[in-house]
Amino acid sequence: MAMVVRVRFRDTISAFIKSMRGSDPDAAVYYLARMLSAGESVTFIARRIMICAAEDVGNADPQALQVAVSASLAVERVGMPEAQIILSQAAAYVACAPKSNAAVNAIFDAMQEVGRTGNLEIPNHLKDAHYKSAGKLGHGSGYLYSHDFPNHYVEQQYLPYELTGTKFYVPGELGYEKKIREHMDMIKGSKKEDTEE
């Protein structure tokens, strides 16, 4: 019997997360109600909302993670029955937010790359130059300070040289990520225009 209850709970939490990811606030709140009625921990539910906010909303709406984190803190301080209102607000917000999994794809791809290639050499100009023998090793030499350039951007090698041109974070076209994409295109495009003149 305990096994059946546990499977049902896992199915419910799965449906809750997938409903938020699928932008269905009605289903998200329904499954939230089922979990609360079954006596599930409000802190556990709040953790799942935080994860969904980062994994499935990401930078399409950076406010979603703030709402989820605030809800997590609030439910610990308030407790039931009022915590259900806080969780409902957070779940509905995450469900209605524009979606992007670009951040999760970025870290998964980067972790895979680190697992494949290990600790590749950091370019010398990015290394710490604040200790005595750093200069002799060439650390920090040739580093370009971004704020000294138009749009606070200057093209230089940040990734290890073996990974030149590799993309991990690719912002999407929804919500705030569209603005991120436009901003990155603008600053990198302005550099190209400077070099073409």
Protein backbone atom coordinates (compact mmCIF):
# COMPACT_ATOMS: atom_id res chain seq x y z
CA MET A 1 0.00 0.00 0.00
CA ALA A 2 2.83 2.41 0.91
CA MET A 3 4.42 1.71 -2.49
CA VAL A 4 1.17 2.57 -4.30
CA VAL A 5 0.86 5.83 -2.34
CA ARG A 6 4.46 6.74 -3.16
CA VAL A 7 3.94 6.04 -6.89
CA ARG A 8 0.79 8.16 -6.87
CA PHE A 9 2.67 10.97 -5.18
CA ARG A 10 5.45 10.77 -7.77
CA ASP A 11 2.86 10.88 -10.53
CA THR A 12 1.27 13.94 -8.91
CA ILE A 13 4.52 15.87 -8.50
CA SER A 14 5.45 14.94 -12.08
CA ALA A 15 2.09 16.24 -13.34
CA PHE A 16 2.54 19.42 -11.24
CA ILE A 17 5.95 20.18 -12.73
CA LYS A 18 4.90 19.32 -16.28
CA SER A 19 1.81 21.52 -15.94
CA MET A 20 3.95 24.51 -14.90
CA ARG A 21 6.39 23.74 -17.74
CA GLY A 22 3.45 23.39 -20.14
CA SER A 23 2.03 26.82 -19.19
CA ASP A 24 -1.20 25.47 -17.67
CA PRO A 25 -1.79 27.33 -14.38
CA ASP A 26 -5.14 25.61 -13.79
CA ALA A 27 -3.59 22.15 -13.86
CA ALA A 28 -0.62 23.33 -11.79
CA VAL A 29 -2.89 24.67 -9.03
CA TYR A 30 -5.04 21.52 -9.17
CA TYR A 31 -2.05 19.22 -8.63
CA LEU A 32 -0.79 21.59 -5.94
CA ALA A 33 -4.13 21.17 -4.16
CA ARG A 34 -3.85 17.39 -4.41
CA MET A 35 -0.40 17.41 -2.87
CA LEU A 36 -1.48 19.74 -0.07
CA SER A 37 -4.58 17.63 0.61
CA ALA A 38 -2.35 14.56 0.89
CA GLY A 39 -0.20 16.36 3.49
CA GLU A 40 2.90 16.88 1.36
CA SER A 41 5.57 19.15 2.81
CA VAL A 42 5.17 22.77 1.72
CA THR A 43 8.96 23.16 1.68
CA PHE A 44 9.28 20.22 -0.73
CA ILE A 45 6.67 21.74 -3.04
CA ALA A 46 8.40 25.13 -2.85
CA ARG A 47 11.71 23.50 -3.83
CA ARG A 48 10.09 21.99 -6.91
CA ILE A 49 8.70 25.40 -7.93
CA MET A 50 12.18 26.96 -7.57
CA ILE A 51 13.71 24.23 -9.74
CA CYS A 52 11.02 24.67 -12.39
CA ALA A 53 11.53 28.45 -12.38
CA ALA A 54 15.23 28.00 -13.16
CA GLU A 55 14.99 24.97 -15.43
CA ASP A 56 11.91 25.77 -17.50
CA VAL A 57 11.53 29.57 -17.32
CA GLY A 58 15.11 30.68 -16.87
CA ASN A 59 16.02 34.08 -18.30
CA ALA A 60 12.84 34.30 -20.35
CA ASP A 61 11.51 35.75 -17.06
CA PRO A 62 14.27 36.09 -14.44
CA GLN A 63 11.62 37.31 -11.97
CA ALA A 64 10.14 33.80 -11.83
CA LEU A 65 13.06 32.49 -9.75
CA GLN A 66 12.77 35.47 -7.40
CA VAL A 67 9.05 34.79 -6.95
CA ALA A 68 9.77 31.11 -6.29
CA VAL A 69 12.55 31.83 -3.79
CA SER A 70 10.40 34.40 -1.97
CA ALA A 71 7.58 31.88 -1.83
CA SER A 72 9.93 29.28 -0.37
CA LEU A 73 10.99 31.67 2.40
CA ALA A 74 7.42 32.79 3.01
CA VAL A 75 5.93 29.31 3.41
CA GLU A 76 8.56 28.45 6.02
CA ARG A 77 7.64 31.55 8.02
CA VAL A 78 3.87 31.40 7.57
CA GLY A 79 3.03 27.68 7.58
CA MET A 80 -0.29 26.14 6.70
CA PRO A 81 -3.04 26.90 5.94
CA GLU A 82 -1.91 30.28 4.54
CA ALA A 83 1.14 28.74 2.84
CA GLN A 84 -1.21 27.28 0.25
CA ILE A 85 -1.97 30.81 -1.00
CA ILE A 86 1.73 31.60 -1.38
CA LEU A 87 2.40 28.34 -3.22
CA SER A 88 -0.58 28.94 -5.50
CA GLN A 89 0.72 32.40 -6.42
CA ALA A 90 4.21 31.07 -7.17
CA ALA A 91 3.00 28.04 -9.14
CA ALA A 92 0.62 30.19 -11.21
CA TYR A 93 3.37 32.73 -11.89
CA VAL A 94 5.83 30.07 -13.07
CA ALA A 95 3.13 28.40 -15.19
CA CYS A 96 2.20 31.69 -16.90
CA ALA A 97 5.78 32.90 -17.45
CA PRO A 98 7.42 32.69 -20.89
CA LYS A 99 9.58 29.59 -21.08
CA SER A 100 13.19 28.84 -21.90
CA ASN A 101 15.47 25.91 -21.09
CA ALA A 102 18.57 27.69 -22.45
CA ALA A 103 20.20 27.94 -19.00
CA VAL A 104 19.78 24.25 -18.23
CA ASN A 105 21.01 23.28 -21.71
CA ALA A 106 24.02 25.55 -21.21
CA ILE A 107 25.17 23.97 -17.94
CA PHE A 108 24.49 20.42 -19.15
CA ASP A 109 26.54 21.05 -22.31
CA ALA A 110 29.32 22.76 -20.34
CA MET A 111 29.45 19.92 -17.79
CA GLN A 112 29.66 17.41 -20.65
CA GLU A 113 32.52 19.41 -22.20
CA VAL A 114 34.42 19.55 -18.91
CA GLY A 115 33.91 15.80 -18.52
CA ARG A 116 35.22 15.24 -22.06
CA THR A 117 38.19 17.63 -22.11
CA GLY A 118 39.00 18.16 -18.42
CA ASN A 119 40.56 21.36 -17.08
CA LEU A 120 41.82 23.06 -20.21
CA GLU A 121 44.37 25.86 -19.82
CA ILE A 122 42.84 29.24 -18.98
CA PRO A 123 44.10 31.98 -21.32
CA ASN A 124 46.97 33.87 -19.67
CA HIS A 125 45.31 37.28 -19.94
CA LEU A 126 42.40 36.02 -17.80
CA LYS A 127 44.58 34.61 -15.02
CA ASP A 128 44.93 36.36 -11.67
CA ALA A 129 47.63 39.03 -11.79
CA HIS A 130 47.40 40.17 -8.16
CA TYR A 131 50.27 38.21 -6.68
CA LYS A 132 54.01 38.81 -6.78
CA SER A 133 55.23 36.41 -9.45
CA ALA A 134 52.16 36.71 -11.72
CA GLY A 135 53.89 39.18 -14.03
CA LYS A 136 56.82 36.83 -14.62
CA LEU A 137 54.35 34.16 -15.70
CA GLY A 138 52.55 36.56 -18.04
CA HIS A 139 49.33 36.35 -16.05
CA GLY A 140 46.98 39.20 -16.85
CA SER A 141 49.19 40.41 -19.69
CA GLY A 142 47.14 41.75 -22.58
CA TYR A 143 43.83 41.69 -20.70
CA LEU A 144 41.34 44.20 -22.13
CA TYR A 145 39.03 45.87 -19.57
CA SER A 146 35.54 45.75 -21.07
CA HIS A 147 34.38 49.01 -19.51
CA ASP A 148 37.02 50.94 -21.46
CA PHE A 149 35.29 50.11 -24.76
CA PRO A 150 32.04 51.13 -26.49
CA ASN A 151 29.00 49.26 -25.16
CA HIS A 152 31.27 47.94 -22.36
CA TYR A 153 32.30 45.11 -24.67
CA VAL A 154 35.55 44.12 -26.31
CA GLU A 155 36.23 40.96 -28.25
CA GLN A 156 38.89 38.79 -26.63
CA GLN A 157 39.40 35.11 -25.85
CA TYR A 158 37.51 34.04 -22.73
CA LEU A 159 37.11 30.31 -23.24
CA PRO A 160 40.18 28.08 -23.34
CA TYR A 161 41.70 28.31 -26.84
CA GLU A 162 40.69 24.72 -27.64
CA LEU A 163 37.04 25.75 -27.23
CA THR A 164 37.18 28.88 -29.40
CA GLY A 165 33.77 29.55 -30.94
CA THR A 166 31.93 27.06 -28.71
CA LYS A 167 28.45 28.18 -27.63
CA PHE A 168 26.88 26.93 -24.41
CA TYR A 169 24.25 29.57 -23.62
CA VAL A 170 21.97 30.33 -26.55
CA PRO A 171 19.16 32.67 -25.46
CA GLY A 172 15.72 32.00 -26.87
CA GLU A 173 13.19 34.28 -28.55
CA LEU A 174 10.65 34.62 -25.73
CA GLY A 175 10.34 37.12 -22.90
CA TYR A 176 13.46 38.74 -21.52
CA GLU A 177 15.71 36.29 -23.37
CA LYS A 178 14.70 38.02 -26.58
CA LYS A 179 16.17 41.23 -25.12
CA ILE A 180 19.31 39.34 -24.04
CA ARG A 181 19.71 37.98 -27.58
CA GLU A 182 19.18 41.43 -29.10
CA HIS A 183 21.68 42.98 -26.66
CA MET A 184 24.34 40.36 -27.40
CA ASP A 185 23.78 40.74 -31.15
CA MET A 186 24.02 44.53 -30.80
CA ILE A 187 27.31 44.61 -28.87
CA LYS A 188 28.93 41.95 -31.00
CA GLY A 189 27.54 43.49 -34.19
CA SER A 190 28.88 46.92 -33.27
CA LYS A 191 32.35 45.36 -32.91
CA LYS A 192 32.06 43.86 -36.40
CA GLU A 193 31.01 47.23 -37.82
CA ASP A 194 34.08 48.87 -36.19
CA THR A 195 36.43 46.33 -37.78
CA GLU A 196 34.80 46.66 -41.22
CA GLU A 197 35.36 50.44 -41.39
